Amino acid sequence: MNGETLQQGTDAPVVEPPSPQYKKEETLALPVTASTDHDSSEHIITVGGESIRMDKLGPIILNTDGTMSRITNWPELTENEQKTTLRLISKRNKQRREVLLAQAKADEQQTVEGNQEL
């Protein structure tokens, strides 16, 4: 029994303190594995200088509010439709990202200016 003995004449276990070798708590490391940022079924495709992360579900779309989504019918599209869609999404994602970065920079500048007035 794990660190337990039975008290003589009873069925109740008596818990013994752990042996001194276990008093020192040691943090164990996880085994080293290959570090990847993406699933093995995921690919990064560059279209017109713009990189798009894509897997079997299709490309990731950057929405105007900064959220991301996917094309629900990607698997049903023909190869030509997928190529055209990928080209358009790449261009649109680039434009949207530039707008979002400009908005974030403007918001940050406004925050800095507001803090300086205080």
C-alpha atoms as a PDB file:
ATOM      1  CA  MET A   1       0.000   0.000   0.000  1.00  0.00           C
ATOM      2  CA  ASN A   2       1.412   3.382  -0.981  1.00  0.00           C
ATOM      3  CA  GLY A   3       2.989   4.683   2.225  1.00  0.00           C
ATOM      4  CA  GLU A   4       0.236   3.136   4.330  1.00  0.00           C
ATOM      5  CA  THR A   5       0.382   0.401   6.929  1.00  0.00           C
ATOM      6  CA  LEU A   6      -2.444  -1.219   8.824  1.00  0.00           C
ATOM      7  CA  GLN A   7      -2.631  -0.409  12.506  1.00  0.00           C
ATOM      8  CA  GLN A   8      -2.352  -3.633  14.460  1.00  0.00           C
ATOM      9  CA  GLY A   9      -5.744  -5.085  15.348  1.00  0.00           C
ATOM     10  CA  THR A  10      -7.736  -2.729  13.066  1.00  0.00           C
ATOM     11  CA  ASP A  11      -8.547  -2.355   9.430  1.00  0.00           C
ATOM     12  CA  ALA A  12      -7.808   1.380   9.499  1.00  0.00           C
ATOM     13  CA  PRO A  13      -4.673   2.377   7.622  1.00  0.00           C
ATOM     14  CA  VAL A  14      -2.051   4.529   9.268  1.00  0.00           C
ATOM     15  CA  VAL A  15      -0.471   6.922   6.834  1.00  0.00           C
ATOM     16  CA  GLU A  16       3.260   7.210   7.258  1.00  0.00           C
ATOM     17  CA  PRO A  17       5.034  10.428   6.295  1.00  0.00           C
ATOM     18  CA  PRO A  18       6.833  10.308   2.974  1.00  0.00           C
ATOM     19  CA  SER A  19      10.437   9.261   3.044  1.00  0.00           C
ATOM     20  CA  PRO A  20      13.048  12.061   3.013  1.00  0.00           C
ATOM     21  CA  GLN A  21      13.928  11.441  -0.613  1.00  0.00           C
ATOM     22  CA  TYR A  22      10.482  12.707  -1.630  1.00  0.00           C
ATOM     23  CA  LYS A  23      10.427  15.838   0.534  1.00  0.00           C
ATOM     24  CA  LYS A  24      12.226  17.901  -2.042  1.00  0.00           C
ATOM     25  CA  GLU A  25       9.740  18.730  -4.786  1.00  0.00           C
ATOM     26  CA  GLU A  26      11.267  18.570  -8.200  1.00  0.00           C
ATOM     27  CA  THR A  27       9.683  20.073 -11.272  1.00  0.00           C
ATOM     28  CA  LEU A  28       9.803  17.619 -14.096  1.00  0.00           C
ATOM     29  CA  ALA A  29      10.227  18.857 -17.642  1.00  0.00           C
ATOM     30  CA  LEU A  30       8.088  17.734 -20.522  1.00  0.00           C
ATOM     31  CA  PRO A  31       9.833  15.757 -23.221  1.00  0.00           C
ATOM     32  CA  VAL A  32      11.292  17.795 -26.058  1.00  0.00           C
ATOM     33  CA  THR A  33       9.229  17.647 -29.217  1.00  0.00           C
ATOM     34  CA  ALA A  34       9.444  19.367 -32.546  1.00  0.00           C
ATOM     35  CA  SER A  35       7.909  22.810 -32.193  1.00  0.00           C
ATOM     36  CA  THR A  36       5.443  23.778 -34.887  1.00  0.00           C
ATOM     37  CA  ASP A  37       3.063  26.688 -35.168  1.00  0.00           C
ATOM     38  CA  HIS A  38       0.655  24.779 -37.318  1.00  0.00           C
ATOM     39  CA  ASP A  39      -0.910  21.451 -37.981  1.00  0.00           C
ATOM     40  CA  SER A  40       0.847  19.124 -40.433  1.00  0.00           C
ATOM     41  CA  SER A  41      -2.172  19.392 -42.758  1.00  0.00           C
ATOM     42  CA  GLU A  42      -1.785  23.177 -42.847  1.00  0.00           C
ATOM     43  CA  HIS A  43       0.067  25.014 -45.589  1.00  0.00           C
ATOM     44  CA  ILE A  44       1.210  28.586 -46.029  1.00  0.00           C
ATOM     45  CA  ILE A  45       0.669  29.808 -49.563  1.00  0.00           C
ATOM     46  CA  THR A  46       2.020  33.062 -50.958  1.00  0.00           C
ATOM     47  CA  VAL A  47      -0.189  34.742 -53.533  1.00  0.00           C
ATOM     48  CA  GLY A  48       0.840  38.108 -54.936  1.00  0.00           C
ATOM     49  CA  GLY A  49       3.348  38.623 -52.131  1.00  0.00           C
ATOM     50  CA  GLU A  50       0.729  37.930 -49.468  1.00  0.00           C
ATOM     51  CA  SER A  51       1.015  34.793 -47.316  1.00  0.00           C
ATOM     52  CA  ILE A  52      -2.184  32.951 -46.464  1.00  0.00           C
ATOM     53  CA  ARG A  53      -2.401  30.152 -43.920  1.00  0.00           C
ATOM     54  CA  MET A  54      -4.520  27.388 -45.307  1.00  0.00           C
ATOM     55  CA  ASP A  55      -5.469  23.827 -44.456  1.00  0.00           C
ATOM     56  CA  LYS A  56      -8.003  21.362 -45.799  1.00  0.00           C
ATOM     57  CA  LEU A  57     -10.767  23.752 -44.689  1.00  0.00           C
ATOM     58  CA  GLY A  58      -9.503  26.474 -47.003  1.00  0.00           C
ATOM     59  CA  PRO A  59      -7.905  29.881 -46.508  1.00  0.00           C
ATOM     60  CA  ILE A  60      -8.370  32.015 -43.428  1.00  0.00           C
ATOM     61  CA  ILE A  61     -10.319  35.188 -44.165  1.00  0.00           C
ATOM     62  CA  LEU A  62      -9.597  38.377 -42.238  1.00  0.00           C
ATOM     63  CA  ASN A  63     -12.898  40.157 -41.581  1.00  0.00           C
ATOM     64  CA  THR A  64     -13.187  43.954 -41.383  1.00  0.00           C
ATOM     65  CA  ASP A  65     -13.540  43.824 -37.583  1.00  0.00           C
ATOM     66  CA  GLY A  66     -10.327  41.790 -37.227  1.00  0.00           C
ATOM     67  CA  THR A  67     -12.002  38.448 -36.633  1.00  0.00           C
ATOM     68  CA  MET A  68     -11.199  35.477 -38.842  1.00  0.00           C
ATOM     69  CA  SER A  69     -13.427  33.076 -40.706  1.00  0.00           C
ATOM     70  CA  ARG A  70     -13.390  30.475 -43.453  1.00  0.00           C
ATOM     71  CA  ILE A  71     -15.290  29.749 -46.637  1.00  0.00           C
ATOM     72  CA  THR A  72     -17.839  27.130 -45.642  1.00  0.00           C
ATOM     73  CA  ASN A  73     -18.072  25.518 -49.077  1.00  0.00           C
ATOM     74  CA  TRP A  74     -14.327  25.440 -49.837  1.00  0.00           C
ATOM     75  CA  PRO A  75     -14.189  21.664 -50.449  1.00  0.00           C
ATOM     76  CA  GLU A  76     -17.017  21.915 -53.000  1.00  0.00           C
ATOM     77  CA  LEU A  77     -15.272  24.581 -55.101  1.00  0.00           C
ATOM     78  CA  THR A  78     -13.510  23.503 -58.285  1.00  0.00           C
ATOM     79  CA  GLU A  79      -9.742  23.932 -58.520  1.00  0.00           C
ATOM     80  CA  ASN A  80     -10.148  27.056 -60.703  1.00  0.00           C
ATOM     81  CA  GLU A  81     -12.692  28.529 -58.260  1.00  0.00           C
ATOM     82  CA  GLN A  82     -10.307  27.847 -55.377  1.00  0.00           C
ATOM     83  CA  LYS A  83      -7.409  29.550 -57.209  1.00  0.00           C
ATOM     84  CA  THR A  84      -9.539  32.604 -58.042  1.00  0.00           C
ATOM     85  CA  THR A  85     -10.944  32.779 -54.532  1.00  0.00           C
ATOM     86  CA  LEU A  86      -7.484  32.429 -53.015  1.00  0.00           C
ATOM     87  CA  ARG A  87      -6.167  35.291 -55.157  1.00  0.00           C
ATOM     88  CA  LEU A  88      -9.091  37.554 -54.191  1.00  0.00           C
ATOM     89  CA  ILE A  89      -8.915  36.679 -50.495  1.00  0.00           C
ATOM     90  CA  SER A  90      -5.185  37.322 -50.451  1.00  0.00           C
ATOM     91  CA  LYS A  91      -5.658  40.800 -51.914  1.00  0.00           C
ATOM     92  CA  ARG A  92      -8.599  41.592 -49.632  1.00  0.00           C
ATOM     93  CA  ASN A  93      -6.820  40.264 -46.502  1.00  0.00           C
ATOM     94  CA  LYS A  94      -3.832  42.510 -47.260  1.00  0.00           C
ATOM     95  CA  GLN A  95      -6.058  45.584 -47.625  1.00  0.00           C
ATOM     96  CA  ARG A  96      -8.010  44.780 -44.470  1.00  0.00           C
ATOM     97  CA  ARG A  97      -4.867  44.133 -42.450  1.00  0.00           C
ATOM     98  CA  GLU A  98      -3.416  47.492 -43.532  1.00  0.00           C
ATOM     99  CA  VAL A  99      -6.633  49.266 -42.467  1.00  0.00           C
ATOM    100  CA  LEU A 100      -6.715  47.432 -39.121  1.00  0.00           C
ATOM    101  CA  LEU A 101      -3.043  48.221 -38.439  1.00  0.00           C
ATOM    102  CA  ALA A 102      -3.637  51.896 -39.281  1.00  0.00           C
ATOM    103  CA  GLN A 103      -6.649  51.957 -36.946  1.00  0.00           C
ATOM    104  CA  ALA A 104      -4.647  50.323 -34.168  1.00  0.00           C
ATOM    105  CA  LYS A 105      -1.815  52.820 -34.646  1.00  0.00           C
ATOM    106  CA  ALA A 106      -4.279  55.755 -34.590  1.00  0.00           C
ATOM    107  CA  ASP A 107      -5.939  54.373 -31.442  1.00  0.00           C
ATOM    108  CA  GLU A 108      -2.546  53.965 -29.779  1.00  0.00           C
ATOM    109  CA  GLN A 109      -1.522  57.511 -30.727  1.00  0.00           C
ATOM    110  CA  GLN A 110      -4.818  58.841 -29.393  1.00  0.00           C
ATOM    111  CA  THR A 111      -4.274  56.971 -26.116  1.00  0.00           C
ATOM    112  CA  VAL A 112      -0.751  58.352 -25.774  1.00  0.00           C
ATOM    113  CA  GLU A 113      -1.958  61.896 -26.460  1.00  0.00           C
ATOM    114  CA  GLY A 114      -4.802  61.454 -23.971  1.00  0.00           C
ATOM    115  CA  ASN A 115      -2.368  60.282 -21.275  1.00  0.00           C
ATOM    116  CA  GLN A 116      -0.084  63.265 -21.905  1.00  0.00           C
ATOM    117  CA  GLU A 117      -2.945  65.695 -21.285  1.00  0.00           C
ATOM    118  CA  LEU A 118      -3.511  64.318 -17.794  1.00  0.00           C
END
